[in-house]
N, C-alpha and C. Protein backbone atom coordinates (compact mmCIF):
# COMPACT_ATOMS: atom_id res chain seq x y z
N MET A 1 8.75 17.58 -11.52
CA MET A 1 8.85 16.43 -10.74
C MET A 1 7.61 15.46 -11.08
N ALA A 2 7.87 14.22 -11.06
CA ALA A 2 6.82 13.26 -11.27
C ALA A 2 5.83 13.25 -10.14
N PRO A 3 4.67 12.87 -10.44
CA PRO A 3 3.63 12.73 -9.36
C PRO A 3 4.08 11.61 -8.36
N PHE A 4 3.56 11.85 -7.15
CA PHE A 4 3.97 10.94 -6.01
C PHE A 4 3.86 9.59 -6.49
N CYS A 5 2.63 9.06 -6.90
CA CYS A 5 2.36 7.67 -7.30
C CYS A 5 3.38 7.17 -8.22
N GLN A 6 3.90 7.90 -9.10
CA GLN A 6 4.88 7.53 -10.03
C GLN A 6 6.19 7.42 -9.39
N ARG A 7 6.52 8.38 -8.59
CA ARG A 7 7.83 8.21 -7.85
C ARG A 7 7.97 7.01 -7.07
N GLU A 8 6.71 6.66 -6.24
CA GLU A 8 6.76 5.55 -5.50
C GLU A 8 6.79 4.17 -6.46
N ARG A 9 6.14 4.18 -7.40
CA ARG A 9 6.19 3.15 -8.42
C ARG A 9 7.61 2.80 -8.86
N GLN A 10 8.36 3.78 -9.26
CA GLN A 10 9.60 3.75 -9.77
C GLN A 10 10.62 3.26 -8.70
N ALA A 11 10.27 3.80 -7.55
CA ALA A 11 11.33 3.41 -6.48
C ALA A 11 11.05 2.00 -6.06
N LEU A 12 9.90 1.52 -6.09
CA LEU A 12 9.50 0.12 -5.73
C LEU A 12 10.08 -0.73 -6.91
N CYS A 13 10.03 -0.44 -8.10
CA CYS A 13 10.58 -1.22 -9.13
C CYS A 13 12.12 -1.22 -9.03
N ASP A 14 12.70 -0.12 -8.63
CA ASP A 14 14.12 -0.13 -8.57
C ASP A 14 14.52 -1.08 -7.45
N LEU A 15 13.80 -1.08 -6.41
CA LEU A 15 14.16 -1.97 -5.32
C LEU A 15 13.77 -3.40 -5.69
N LEU A 16 12.72 -3.76 -6.37
CA LEU A 16 12.55 -4.99 -6.88
C LEU A 16 13.62 -5.54 -7.69
N VAL A 17 14.18 -4.76 -8.57
CA VAL A 17 15.34 -5.12 -9.38
C VAL A 17 16.66 -5.49 -8.56
N GLN A 18 16.74 -4.44 -7.54
CA GLN A 18 17.91 -4.71 -6.74
C GLN A 18 17.90 -5.98 -5.90
N LEU A 19 16.75 -6.32 -5.40
CA LEU A 19 16.58 -7.43 -4.37
C LEU A 19 16.27 -8.76 -5.17
N GLY A 20 15.72 -8.75 -6.32
CA GLY A 20 15.37 -10.01 -7.04
C GLY A 20 13.95 -10.51 -6.57
N PRO A 21 13.64 -11.64 -7.23
CA PRO A 21 12.28 -12.17 -7.12
C PRO A 21 12.06 -12.88 -5.74
N ASP A 22 13.05 -13.16 -5.06
CA ASP A 22 12.76 -13.95 -3.77
C ASP A 22 13.02 -13.21 -2.58
N ALA A 23 13.09 -11.93 -2.46
CA ALA A 23 13.26 -11.19 -1.31
C ALA A 23 11.95 -11.16 -0.56
N PRO A 24 12.06 -11.09 0.82
CA PRO A 24 10.90 -11.15 1.77
C PRO A 24 10.10 -9.75 1.67
N THR A 25 8.78 -9.84 1.86
CA THR A 25 7.94 -8.63 2.06
C THR A 25 7.32 -8.71 3.29
N LEU A 26 6.52 -7.65 3.71
CA LEU A 26 5.73 -7.76 4.85
C LEU A 26 4.27 -8.38 4.66
N CYS A 27 3.94 -8.70 3.43
CA CYS A 27 2.77 -9.31 3.09
C CYS A 27 2.98 -10.88 3.42
N GLU A 28 2.21 -11.36 4.32
CA GLU A 28 2.43 -12.72 4.70
C GLU A 28 2.31 -13.64 3.56
N GLY A 29 3.28 -14.55 3.57
CA GLY A 29 3.45 -15.52 2.44
C GLY A 29 3.94 -15.12 1.18
N TRP A 30 4.22 -13.79 1.05
CA TRP A 30 4.60 -13.27 -0.23
C TRP A 30 6.09 -12.96 -0.25
N ARG A 31 6.73 -13.31 -1.41
CA ARG A 31 8.08 -12.87 -1.77
C ARG A 31 7.81 -11.76 -2.79
N SER A 32 9.10 -11.17 -3.02
CA SER A 32 8.91 -9.85 -4.07
C SER A 32 8.18 -10.22 -5.37
N ALA A 33 8.41 -11.43 -5.93
CA ALA A 33 7.83 -11.79 -7.02
C ALA A 33 6.19 -11.82 -6.98
N ASP A 34 5.75 -12.26 -5.78
CA ASP A 34 4.29 -12.35 -5.51
C ASP A 34 3.71 -10.85 -5.46
N LEU A 35 4.54 -10.01 -4.87
CA LEU A 35 4.06 -8.59 -4.70
C LEU A 35 4.07 -7.97 -6.08
N ALA A 36 5.07 -8.17 -7.05
CA ALA A 36 4.98 -7.71 -8.39
C ALA A 36 3.88 -8.26 -9.18
N THR A 37 3.71 -9.52 -9.08
CA THR A 37 2.47 -10.21 -9.66
C THR A 37 1.17 -9.55 -9.31
N HIS A 38 1.09 -9.29 -8.04
CA HIS A 38 -0.25 -8.68 -7.44
C HIS A 38 -0.44 -7.29 -8.09
N LEU A 39 0.53 -6.50 -8.27
CA LEU A 39 0.45 -5.22 -8.86
C LEU A 39 0.04 -5.30 -10.40
N VAL A 40 0.68 -6.18 -11.02
CA VAL A 40 0.34 -6.41 -12.46
C VAL A 40 -1.09 -6.81 -12.61
N LEU A 41 -1.46 -7.76 -11.88
CA LEU A 41 -2.92 -8.29 -11.76
C LEU A 41 -3.89 -7.17 -11.38
N ARG A 42 -3.56 -6.35 -10.59
CA ARG A 42 -4.47 -5.33 -10.11
C ARG A 42 -4.72 -4.33 -11.18
N GLU A 43 -3.63 -3.99 -11.91
CA GLU A 43 -3.84 -3.00 -12.90
C GLU A 43 -4.27 -3.44 -14.22
N HIS A 44 -4.08 -4.84 -14.59
CA HIS A 44 -4.33 -5.17 -15.95
C HIS A 44 -5.40 -6.01 -15.93
N ARG A 45 -5.85 -6.60 -14.80
CA ARG A 45 -7.07 -7.52 -14.77
C ARG A 45 -8.07 -7.04 -13.75
N PRO A 46 -8.86 -6.04 -14.09
CA PRO A 46 -9.77 -5.63 -13.05
C PRO A 46 -10.80 -6.75 -12.54
N ASP A 47 -11.00 -7.74 -13.41
CA ASP A 47 -11.89 -8.75 -13.01
C ASP A 47 -11.20 -9.65 -11.78
N ALA A 48 -9.91 -9.37 -11.54
CA ALA A 48 -9.31 -10.04 -10.42
C ALA A 48 -9.44 -9.28 -9.02
N VAL A 49 -9.91 -8.02 -9.08
CA VAL A 49 -10.02 -7.25 -7.92
C VAL A 49 -10.98 -7.89 -6.80
N PRO A 50 -12.15 -8.44 -7.21
CA PRO A 50 -13.02 -8.99 -6.13
C PRO A 50 -12.26 -10.04 -5.34
N GLY A 51 -11.56 -10.86 -6.11
CA GLY A 51 -10.76 -12.00 -5.50
C GLY A 51 -9.67 -11.54 -4.49
N MET A 52 -9.34 -10.23 -4.58
CA MET A 52 -8.35 -9.67 -3.76
C MET A 52 -8.88 -9.18 -2.38
N LEU A 53 -10.24 -9.06 -2.53
CA LEU A 53 -10.92 -8.63 -1.30
C LEU A 53 -11.60 -9.75 -0.58
N THR A 54 -11.86 -10.86 -1.22
CA THR A 54 -12.47 -12.03 -0.57
C THR A 54 -11.82 -13.28 -1.25
N LYS A 55 -11.60 -14.19 -0.43
CA LYS A 55 -11.11 -15.46 -0.99
C LYS A 55 -12.12 -16.59 -1.34
N ARG A 56 -13.36 -16.16 -1.04
CA ARG A 56 -14.61 -17.05 -1.24
C ARG A 56 -14.79 -17.15 -2.67
N PRO A 57 -15.38 -18.48 -3.07
CA PRO A 57 -15.74 -18.72 -4.47
C PRO A 57 -16.89 -17.79 -4.87
N PRO A 58 -16.88 -17.33 -5.96
CA PRO A 58 -15.94 -17.80 -7.08
C PRO A 58 -14.88 -16.82 -7.31
N PHE A 59 -14.71 -15.71 -6.43
CA PHE A 59 -13.81 -14.71 -6.70
C PHE A 59 -12.47 -15.10 -6.27
N GLY A 60 -12.23 -15.68 -5.17
CA GLY A 60 -10.87 -16.08 -4.65
C GLY A 60 -10.25 -17.04 -5.68
N PRO A 61 -10.83 -18.08 -6.02
CA PRO A 61 -10.17 -19.11 -6.91
C PRO A 61 -10.06 -18.50 -8.22
N TRP A 62 -10.82 -17.62 -8.75
CA TRP A 62 -10.61 -17.01 -10.11
C TRP A 62 -9.32 -16.06 -10.14
N THR A 63 -9.16 -15.28 -8.99
CA THR A 63 -7.97 -14.50 -8.89
C THR A 63 -6.81 -15.29 -8.84
N GLU A 64 -6.83 -16.43 -8.07
CA GLU A 64 -5.74 -17.29 -7.87
C GLU A 64 -5.27 -17.87 -9.24
N ARG A 65 -6.21 -18.25 -10.04
CA ARG A 65 -5.84 -18.70 -11.42
C ARG A 65 -5.25 -17.70 -12.23
N LEU A 66 -5.83 -16.46 -12.18
CA LEU A 66 -5.24 -15.45 -12.92
C LEU A 66 -3.79 -15.04 -12.54
N GLN A 67 -3.54 -15.19 -11.19
CA GLN A 67 -2.24 -14.81 -10.64
C GLN A 67 -1.17 -15.94 -11.15
N LYS A 68 -1.58 -17.13 -11.11
CA LYS A 68 -0.80 -18.31 -11.51
C LYS A 68 -0.43 -18.04 -13.02
N GLY A 69 -1.43 -17.58 -13.83
CA GLY A 69 -1.21 -17.39 -15.25
C GLY A 69 -0.19 -16.26 -15.47
N ILE A 70 -0.35 -15.23 -14.71
CA ILE A 70 0.80 -14.25 -14.82
C ILE A 70 2.13 -14.73 -14.50
N GLU A 71 2.22 -15.44 -13.46
CA GLU A 71 3.43 -16.05 -13.06
C GLU A 71 4.11 -16.83 -14.07
N ARG A 72 3.33 -17.70 -14.91
CA ARG A 72 3.77 -18.61 -15.91
C ARG A 72 4.27 -17.66 -17.12
N ALA A 73 3.33 -16.59 -17.44
CA ALA A 73 3.56 -15.77 -18.63
C ALA A 73 4.76 -14.85 -18.68
N PHE A 74 5.19 -14.37 -17.53
CA PHE A 74 6.26 -13.39 -17.48
C PHE A 74 7.54 -13.76 -16.67
N GLY A 75 8.66 -13.57 -17.26
CA GLY A 75 9.90 -13.73 -16.51
C GLY A 75 9.93 -12.63 -15.58
N TRP A 76 10.97 -12.61 -14.57
CA TRP A 76 11.24 -11.57 -13.68
C TRP A 76 11.36 -10.21 -14.21
N ASP A 77 12.26 -10.08 -15.12
CA ASP A 77 12.45 -8.74 -15.68
C ASP A 77 11.21 -8.27 -16.41
N ASP A 78 10.50 -9.14 -17.10
CA ASP A 78 9.27 -8.48 -17.78
C ASP A 78 8.20 -8.05 -16.83
N LEU A 79 8.07 -9.01 -15.71
CA LEU A 79 7.15 -8.66 -14.78
C LEU A 79 7.40 -7.25 -14.04
N VAL A 80 8.60 -6.98 -13.74
CA VAL A 80 8.96 -5.75 -13.16
C VAL A 80 8.72 -4.58 -14.14
N GLN A 81 9.01 -4.88 -15.39
CA GLN A 81 8.78 -3.83 -16.35
C GLN A 81 7.26 -3.45 -16.59
N ARG A 82 6.40 -4.55 -16.42
CA ARG A 82 4.98 -4.19 -16.44
C ARG A 82 4.52 -3.44 -15.36
N VAL A 83 5.11 -3.66 -14.15
CA VAL A 83 4.91 -2.66 -13.04
C VAL A 83 5.24 -1.38 -13.23
N ARG A 84 6.49 -1.32 -13.69
CA ARG A 84 7.14 -0.02 -13.98
C ARG A 84 6.32 0.83 -14.92
N SER A 85 5.85 0.14 -16.06
CA SER A 85 5.15 0.90 -17.18
C SER A 85 3.85 1.52 -16.80
N GLY A 86 3.22 0.96 -15.57
CA GLY A 86 2.06 1.53 -15.14
C GLY A 86 0.81 0.85 -15.72
N PRO A 87 -0.30 1.59 -15.32
CA PRO A 87 -1.59 0.91 -15.90
C PRO A 87 -1.87 1.17 -17.33
N PRO A 88 -2.69 0.48 -17.96
CA PRO A 88 -3.10 0.74 -19.26
C PRO A 88 -3.48 2.18 -19.56
N ALA A 89 -3.42 2.67 -20.78
CA ALA A 89 -3.39 4.15 -21.11
C ALA A 89 -4.85 4.64 -20.71
N LEU A 90 -6.02 3.79 -20.81
CA LEU A 90 -7.22 4.14 -20.41
C LEU A 90 -7.35 4.61 -18.91
N LEU A 91 -6.51 3.93 -18.14
CA LEU A 91 -6.52 4.13 -16.65
C LEU A 91 -5.56 5.17 -16.06
N ARG A 92 -4.69 5.56 -16.94
CA ARG A 92 -3.53 6.51 -16.46
C ARG A 92 -4.09 7.79 -15.70
N ARG A 93 -5.07 8.41 -16.15
CA ARG A 93 -5.69 9.57 -15.67
C ARG A 93 -5.96 9.30 -14.11
N LEU A 94 -6.35 8.01 -13.69
CA LEU A 94 -6.72 7.66 -12.44
C LEU A 94 -5.63 7.21 -11.53
N ASP A 95 -4.40 7.07 -12.09
CA ASP A 95 -3.29 6.68 -11.43
C ASP A 95 -3.19 7.22 -10.07
N PRO A 96 -3.11 8.57 -9.95
CA PRO A 96 -2.91 9.24 -8.67
C PRO A 96 -3.94 8.87 -7.63
N GLN A 97 -5.05 8.70 -8.04
CA GLN A 97 -6.18 8.33 -7.14
C GLN A 97 -6.18 7.02 -6.61
N PHE A 98 -5.89 6.03 -7.46
CA PHE A 98 -5.94 4.63 -7.15
C PHE A 98 -4.65 4.07 -6.67
N ASN A 99 -3.55 4.69 -7.00
CA ASN A 99 -2.32 4.03 -6.72
C ASN A 99 -1.35 4.85 -5.82
N SER A 100 -1.65 6.01 -5.37
CA SER A 100 -0.76 6.74 -4.46
C SER A 100 -0.44 5.80 -3.17
N VAL A 101 -1.55 5.52 -2.50
CA VAL A 101 -1.46 4.82 -1.24
C VAL A 101 -0.98 3.22 -1.54
N GLU A 102 -1.48 2.76 -2.59
CA GLU A 102 -1.01 1.41 -3.03
C GLU A 102 0.44 1.18 -3.17
N PHE A 103 0.97 2.05 -3.79
CA PHE A 103 2.48 1.97 -4.22
C PHE A 103 3.24 2.39 -3.04
N PHE A 104 2.75 3.45 -2.27
CA PHE A 104 3.54 3.76 -0.99
C PHE A 104 3.57 2.53 -0.05
N VAL A 105 2.41 1.91 0.24
CA VAL A 105 2.41 0.92 1.12
C VAL A 105 3.14 -0.31 0.66
N HIS A 106 3.06 -0.62 -0.57
CA HIS A 106 3.74 -1.88 -0.99
C HIS A 106 5.36 -1.56 -1.18
N HIS A 107 5.66 -0.29 -1.46
CA HIS A 107 7.13 0.08 -1.41
C HIS A 107 7.64 -0.16 -0.05
N GLU A 108 6.88 0.32 1.01
CA GLU A 108 7.20 0.07 2.38
C GLU A 108 7.15 -1.45 2.81
N ASP A 109 6.24 -2.21 2.19
CA ASP A 109 6.23 -3.56 2.48
C ASP A 109 7.54 -4.32 2.09
N LEU A 110 8.09 -3.84 0.96
CA LEU A 110 9.41 -4.45 0.61
C LEU A 110 10.57 -3.76 1.33
N ARG A 111 10.62 -2.47 1.49
CA ARG A 111 11.61 -1.74 2.28
C ARG A 111 11.80 -2.43 3.52
N ARG A 112 10.74 -2.42 4.38
CA ARG A 112 10.73 -2.69 5.80
C ARG A 112 10.84 -4.22 6.05
N ALA A 113 10.85 -4.96 5.04
CA ALA A 113 11.13 -6.45 5.24
C ALA A 113 12.64 -6.60 5.25
N GLN A 114 13.43 -5.77 4.79
CA GLN A 114 14.88 -5.85 4.69
C GLN A 114 15.53 -5.49 5.94
N PRO A 115 16.58 -6.10 6.45
CA PRO A 115 17.23 -5.82 7.74
C PRO A 115 17.62 -4.41 7.81
N SER A 116 18.12 -3.82 6.70
CA SER A 116 18.77 -2.51 6.82
C SER A 116 17.69 -1.31 6.69
N TRP A 117 16.38 -1.48 6.65
CA TRP A 117 15.47 -0.40 6.32
C TRP A 117 15.59 0.74 7.49
N ARG A 118 15.33 1.84 7.11
CA ARG A 118 15.19 2.96 8.05
C ARG A 118 14.03 3.84 7.68
N PRO A 119 13.46 4.51 8.67
CA PRO A 119 12.25 5.40 8.22
C PRO A 119 12.74 6.42 7.27
N ARG A 120 11.83 6.89 6.44
CA ARG A 120 12.12 7.99 5.52
C ARG A 120 11.27 9.13 5.73
N ASP A 121 11.77 10.28 5.38
CA ASP A 121 11.00 11.56 5.46
C ASP A 121 10.37 11.72 4.22
N LEU A 122 9.13 12.19 4.32
CA LEU A 122 8.32 12.41 3.14
C LEU A 122 8.27 14.00 3.03
N THR A 123 8.12 14.39 1.90
CA THR A 123 7.85 15.83 1.70
C THR A 123 6.51 16.30 2.25
N PRO A 124 6.25 17.54 2.59
CA PRO A 124 4.95 18.00 2.96
C PRO A 124 3.87 17.79 1.85
N ALA A 125 4.34 17.99 0.56
CA ALA A 125 3.49 17.71 -0.60
C ALA A 125 3.15 16.24 -0.75
N ASP A 126 3.97 15.32 -0.51
CA ASP A 126 3.72 13.94 -0.45
C ASP A 126 2.79 13.48 0.64
N GLU A 127 3.01 14.13 1.88
CA GLU A 127 2.19 13.86 2.95
C GLU A 127 0.82 14.44 2.65
N ASP A 128 0.64 15.50 1.95
CA ASP A 128 -0.66 16.06 1.67
C ASP A 128 -1.40 15.02 0.76
N ILE A 129 -0.86 14.36 -0.17
CA ILE A 129 -1.33 13.37 -1.02
C ILE A 129 -1.86 12.19 -0.20
N LEU A 130 -1.01 11.72 0.64
CA LEU A 130 -1.29 10.51 1.35
C LEU A 130 -2.47 10.81 2.42
N TRP A 131 -2.37 12.08 3.08
CA TRP A 131 -3.41 12.40 4.03
C TRP A 131 -4.87 12.56 3.52
N ALA A 132 -4.88 13.11 2.18
CA ALA A 132 -6.13 13.18 1.53
C ALA A 132 -6.79 11.80 1.29
N ARG A 133 -5.99 10.85 1.17
CA ARG A 133 -6.49 9.65 0.84
C ARG A 133 -6.56 8.77 2.16
N ALA A 134 -5.80 9.01 3.20
CA ALA A 134 -5.91 8.39 4.49
C ALA A 134 -7.16 8.63 5.26
N ARG A 135 -7.74 9.98 5.08
CA ARG A 135 -9.01 10.13 5.90
C ARG A 135 -10.07 9.27 5.42
N PRO A 136 -10.39 8.99 4.19
CA PRO A 136 -11.42 8.01 3.84
C PRO A 136 -11.06 6.64 4.29
N LEU A 137 -9.74 6.45 4.20
CA LEU A 137 -9.36 4.90 4.59
C LEU A 137 -9.65 4.66 6.05
N ALA A 138 -9.36 5.63 6.88
CA ALA A 138 -9.56 5.57 8.29
C ALA A 138 -11.15 5.02 8.59
N ARG A 139 -12.17 5.58 7.79
CA ARG A 139 -13.49 5.27 8.08
C ARG A 139 -13.70 3.72 7.91
N PHE A 140 -12.86 3.03 7.05
CA PHE A 140 -13.12 1.70 6.83
C PHE A 140 -12.07 0.83 7.28
N ALA A 141 -11.09 1.28 8.14
CA ALA A 141 -10.09 0.47 8.61
C ALA A 141 -10.52 -0.56 9.60
N ARG A 142 -9.76 -1.74 9.47
CA ARG A 142 -10.09 -2.82 10.22
C ARG A 142 -10.07 -2.51 11.65
N ARG A 143 -9.15 -1.81 12.18
CA ARG A 143 -9.04 -1.34 13.59
C ARG A 143 -9.27 0.18 13.61
N ARG A 144 -10.57 0.52 13.64
CA ARG A 144 -10.99 1.93 13.38
C ARG A 144 -10.61 2.85 14.69
N PRO A 145 -9.74 3.83 14.34
CA PRO A 145 -9.32 4.65 15.56
C PRO A 145 -10.44 5.66 15.76
N SER A 146 -10.42 6.08 17.11
CA SER A 146 -11.28 7.30 17.52
C SER A 146 -10.97 8.55 16.84
N ARG A 147 -9.48 8.65 16.72
CA ARG A 147 -9.02 9.91 16.31
C ARG A 147 -7.62 9.61 15.71
N LEU A 148 -7.38 10.45 14.67
CA LEU A 148 -6.02 10.40 14.11
C LEU A 148 -5.34 11.73 14.35
N GLU A 149 -4.10 11.63 14.74
CA GLU A 149 -3.33 12.90 15.10
C GLU A 149 -1.94 12.88 14.18
N PRO A 150 -2.16 13.45 13.04
CA PRO A 150 -0.97 13.38 12.27
C PRO A 150 0.12 14.50 12.82
N THR A 151 1.25 14.13 12.75
CA THR A 151 2.34 15.11 13.13
C THR A 151 2.30 16.42 12.31
N GLY A 152 2.14 17.52 12.96
CA GLY A 152 2.09 18.73 12.33
C GLY A 152 0.87 19.12 11.65
N ARG A 153 -0.31 18.40 11.87
CA ARG A 153 -1.59 18.65 11.19
C ARG A 153 -2.59 18.69 12.20
N PRO A 154 -3.79 19.26 11.85
CA PRO A 154 -4.96 19.19 12.82
C PRO A 154 -5.40 17.66 12.99
N PRO A 155 -5.86 17.31 14.16
CA PRO A 155 -6.34 16.03 14.34
C PRO A 155 -7.68 15.79 13.52
N LEU A 156 -7.98 14.44 13.44
CA LEU A 156 -9.12 14.08 12.71
C LEU A 156 -9.99 13.13 13.68
N SER A 157 -11.12 13.58 14.10
CA SER A 157 -11.87 12.83 15.03
C SER A 157 -12.89 11.94 13.99
N LEU A 158 -12.90 10.71 14.44
CA LEU A 158 -13.75 9.70 13.56
C LEU A 158 -14.94 9.12 14.41
N GLY A 159 -15.03 9.40 15.56
CA GLY A 159 -16.12 8.94 16.45
C GLY A 159 -16.11 7.61 16.76
N GLY A 160 -15.04 6.85 16.43
CA GLY A 160 -15.16 5.31 16.80
C GLY A 160 -14.71 5.09 18.22
N ALA A 161 -14.68 3.92 18.75
CA ALA A 161 -14.36 3.66 20.07
C ALA A 161 -12.88 3.13 20.18
N GLY A 162 -12.20 3.09 19.09
CA GLY A 162 -10.85 2.66 19.13
C GLY A 162 -9.81 3.66 19.69
N PRO A 163 -8.54 3.45 19.52
CA PRO A 163 -7.54 4.22 20.15
C PRO A 163 -7.40 5.54 19.45
N VAL A 164 -6.68 6.56 19.98
CA VAL A 164 -6.10 7.65 19.24
C VAL A 164 -4.76 7.15 18.71
N ALA A 165 -4.60 7.43 17.41
CA ALA A 165 -3.34 7.01 16.78
C ALA A 165 -2.64 8.29 16.24
N SER A 166 -1.36 8.44 16.75
CA SER A 166 -0.52 9.65 16.43
C SER A 166 0.74 9.32 15.92
N GLY A 167 1.16 10.09 14.92
CA GLY A 167 2.53 9.89 14.19
C GLY A 167 2.45 10.56 12.96
N PRO A 168 3.75 10.43 12.30
CA PRO A 168 3.72 10.89 10.78
C PRO A 168 2.69 10.38 9.96
N VAL A 169 2.26 11.22 8.91
CA VAL A 169 1.22 10.84 8.02
C VAL A 169 1.37 9.44 7.34
N GLY A 170 2.68 9.22 6.89
CA GLY A 170 3.06 7.98 6.23
C GLY A 170 2.75 6.77 7.18
N GLU A 171 3.13 6.95 8.45
CA GLU A 171 3.12 5.97 9.47
C GLU A 171 1.63 5.63 9.77
N LEU A 172 0.82 6.68 9.84
CA LEU A 172 -0.62 6.40 9.99
C LEU A 172 -1.28 5.67 8.85
N VAL A 173 -0.82 6.02 7.67
CA VAL A 173 -1.38 5.38 6.36
C VAL A 173 -0.96 3.74 6.66
N LEU A 174 0.27 3.44 7.00
CA LEU A 174 0.66 2.12 7.05
C LEU A 174 -0.08 1.37 8.09
N TRP A 175 -0.34 2.12 9.31
CA TRP A 175 -1.14 1.52 10.36
C TRP A 175 -2.57 1.15 9.93
N LEU A 176 -3.12 2.19 9.18
CA LEU A 176 -4.52 2.05 8.65
C LEU A 176 -4.70 0.90 7.72
N MET A 177 -3.55 0.60 6.99
CA MET A 177 -3.54 -0.40 5.88
C MET A 177 -3.04 -1.73 6.57
N GLY A 178 -3.11 -1.93 7.96
CA GLY A 178 -2.84 -3.10 8.45
C GLY A 178 -1.38 -3.49 8.73
N ARG A 179 -0.51 -2.45 8.72
CA ARG A 179 0.97 -2.75 9.00
C ARG A 179 1.20 -2.41 10.35
N GLU A 180 0.47 -2.86 11.37
CA GLU A 180 0.61 -2.41 12.73
C GLU A 180 2.04 -2.79 13.27
N GLY A 181 2.54 -3.94 12.76
CA GLY A 181 3.78 -4.36 13.47
C GLY A 181 4.96 -3.42 13.02
N VAL A 182 4.85 -2.71 12.07
CA VAL A 182 5.98 -1.94 11.64
C VAL A 182 5.70 -0.32 11.53
N ALA A 183 4.52 -0.12 11.54
CA ALA A 183 4.09 1.36 11.59
C ALA A 183 4.60 1.99 12.83
N GLN A 184 5.31 3.11 12.80
CA GLN A 184 5.86 3.90 13.85
C GLN A 184 4.60 4.81 14.39
N VAL A 185 3.65 4.31 14.97
CA VAL A 185 2.45 5.03 15.42
C VAL A 185 2.40 4.89 16.99
N LYS A 186 1.97 6.00 17.62
CA LYS A 186 1.67 5.88 19.05
C LYS A 186 0.21 5.68 19.28
N LEU A 187 -0.25 4.72 20.04
CA LEU A 187 -1.55 4.51 20.18
C LEU A 187 -1.79 4.82 21.68
N SER A 188 -3.02 5.51 21.93
CA SER A 188 -3.27 5.95 23.35
C SER A 188 -4.83 5.70 23.43
N GLU A 189 -5.37 5.47 24.56
CA GLU A 189 -6.70 5.33 24.82
C GLU A 189 -7.49 6.58 24.71
N ARG A 190 -8.55 6.43 24.06
CA ARG A 190 -9.57 7.56 23.69
C ARG A 190 -9.92 8.20 25.12
N GLN A 191 -9.80 9.57 25.02
CA GLN A 191 -10.04 10.32 26.19
C GLN A 191 -11.58 10.71 26.27
N GLN A 192 -12.08 10.78 27.55
CA GLN A 192 -13.47 10.92 27.73
C GLN A 192 -13.69 12.34 27.08
N GLY A 193 -14.83 12.55 26.25
CA GLY A 193 -15.32 13.73 25.57
C GLY A 193 -14.49 14.07 24.46
N SER A 194 -13.60 13.14 23.89
CA SER A 194 -12.97 13.46 22.69
C SER A 194 -13.40 12.63 21.47
C-alpha cells in the first residue's frame, strides 16, 4: 500500500480532474486551479514559502508573482500532473513528513466544498500518521486548545486557556488547520484543574 501522503495526493488529483479548474474550495477566494497552483508552487519553488506565511513585502508580492507565472506556464492537465508527480527527487524522502497533513487538509478543502460531501473514515494507521503530526501543530494553532481528546486515543493536554476539542483525529487536524466551519469537532470549556 502506498504511503498515506501519496494516497491523499492521488485522491486529491483524481478529484481535481473530476471537478475541473473552477470548482469551489474551502480556501477563501480559491478555486480548484488556485489550490493546484499553490501545491505546485509549494513543492517546486521553496523561495515562495515565506510569502505563503506572510503577505508583507517582499515575501507576499514575490510569491504572488511566482503563482501568476505558474498559472501562465501550465494548462490545467499539466498543472494537475505536476501535483500528481510529487516533489522533486531530492525532496521525495521528506514527502511523508511535509505533505501528510498538507494533502489531507487540501483534499478535504476540495471535497467539503462540494454539496455532496460526506465524512470519511480513516484507517487507524492513517490516523496514527495524522495524530503524530497534529500534536506539534496544536502547539502553534491560531486557536490553541487546552486539550485535545481524539476519539479512541488518550487525550493530549496542552496547557492553553482555550477550549477542549474532541472528535476523530482527522477532524481535529482540520480544526487545528483553521477549518473550524467544517471540522466535526466538539468544543467544550476547559474544566478547572484540567
